[in-house]
Amino acid sequence: MPKFILNQKQQPNGDNEVHNKTTSCNYMPALENQIDLGEHPSCAGAVALAKAKYGNARINGCKYCCPACHTT
């Protein structure tokens, strides 16, 4: 099952991105900026968990490793 992380460092547009740690994403944040979201069948579960835990943050999937969850 894929493992996901949340980038604690905001993107220029204000989003905190969810990344699939199992894939080789070229845009994976530095280790010190990764928040573990655990294993999920898809990025949707990881994004939902991140939104539940960090409700005030703008959560989005990475365009490259989580395209199904990328909205902005």
Protein backbone atom coordinates (compact mmCIF):
# COMPACT_ATOMS: atom_id res chain seq x y z
CA MET A 1 0.00 0.00 0.00
CA PRO A 2 1.38 3.47 -0.85
CA LYS A 3 2.77 5.71 1.89
CA PHE A 4 1.97 9.41 1.91
CA ILE A 5 3.46 12.51 3.49
CA LEU A 6 2.38 16.13 3.84
CA ASN A 7 4.82 18.91 3.04
CA GLN A 8 4.70 21.21 6.07
CA LYS A 9 6.26 23.98 3.97
CA GLN A 10 3.65 25.89 2.00
CA GLN A 11 3.88 26.30 -1.75
CA PRO A 12 3.89 29.87 -3.18
CA ASN A 13 0.10 29.64 -3.68
CA GLY A 14 -0.45 28.72 0.01
CA ASP A 15 -1.07 24.98 -0.47
CA ASN A 16 0.49 22.25 1.63
CA GLU A 17 0.93 19.32 -0.74
CA VAL A 18 0.41 15.61 -0.14
CA HIS A 19 3.06 13.42 -1.80
CA ASN A 20 3.18 9.71 -2.49
CA LYS A 21 6.37 8.64 -0.72
CA THR A 22 6.30 5.24 -2.45
CA THR A 23 6.91 6.77 -5.89
CA SER A 24 9.96 8.65 -7.07
CA CYS A 25 8.51 12.17 -7.12
CA ASN A 26 11.01 14.82 -8.24
CA TYR A 27 9.21 17.34 -6.01
CA MET A 28 9.40 15.43 -2.72
CA PRO A 29 10.09 17.86 0.13
CA ALA A 30 13.20 17.66 2.29
CA LEU A 31 12.93 15.11 5.12
CA GLU A 32 12.65 17.83 7.77
CA ASN A 33 9.51 19.16 6.00
CA GLN A 34 7.72 15.80 5.74
CA ILE A 35 4.79 14.93 8.00
CA ASP A 36 3.91 11.23 7.87
CA LEU A 37 0.32 10.50 6.84
CA GLY A 38 0.72 6.72 6.81
CA GLU A 39 -0.48 4.19 4.26
CA HIS A 40 -3.62 4.68 2.19
CA PRO A 41 -5.06 2.88 -0.84
CA SER A 42 -5.05 6.19 -2.74
CA CYS A 43 -4.18 9.85 -2.33
CA ALA A 44 -7.81 10.62 -1.47
CA GLY A 45 -7.48 8.99 1.95
CA ALA A 46 -4.21 10.80 2.65
CA VAL A 47 -5.68 14.17 1.65
CA ALA A 48 -8.78 13.53 3.80
CA LEU A 49 -6.59 12.69 6.81
CA ALA A 50 -4.45 15.79 6.30
CA LYS A 51 -7.55 17.98 6.04
CA ALA A 52 -8.96 16.43 9.23
CA LYS A 53 -5.70 16.95 11.15
CA TYR A 54 -4.82 20.38 9.73
CA GLY A 55 -8.22 21.92 9.01
CA ASN A 56 -6.92 25.47 8.67
CA ALA A 57 -4.35 24.53 6.01
CA ARG A 58 -5.00 24.42 2.28
CA ILE A 59 -4.31 20.78 1.42
CA ASN A 60 -3.74 19.66 -2.16
CA GLY A 61 -2.25 16.63 -3.91
CA CYS A 62 1.04 16.96 -5.76
CA LYS A 63 0.46 17.50 -9.47
CA TYR A 64 3.13 14.91 -10.30
CA CYS A 65 2.79 12.04 -7.82
CA CYS A 66 -0.86 12.55 -6.72
CA PRO A 67 -2.54 13.91 -9.88
CA ALA A 68 -5.94 12.46 -8.95
CA CYS A 69 -5.95 14.71 -5.85
CA HIS A 70 -4.42 17.82 -7.42
CA THR A 71 -6.98 20.64 -7.58
CA THR A 72 -5.00 23.92 -7.70
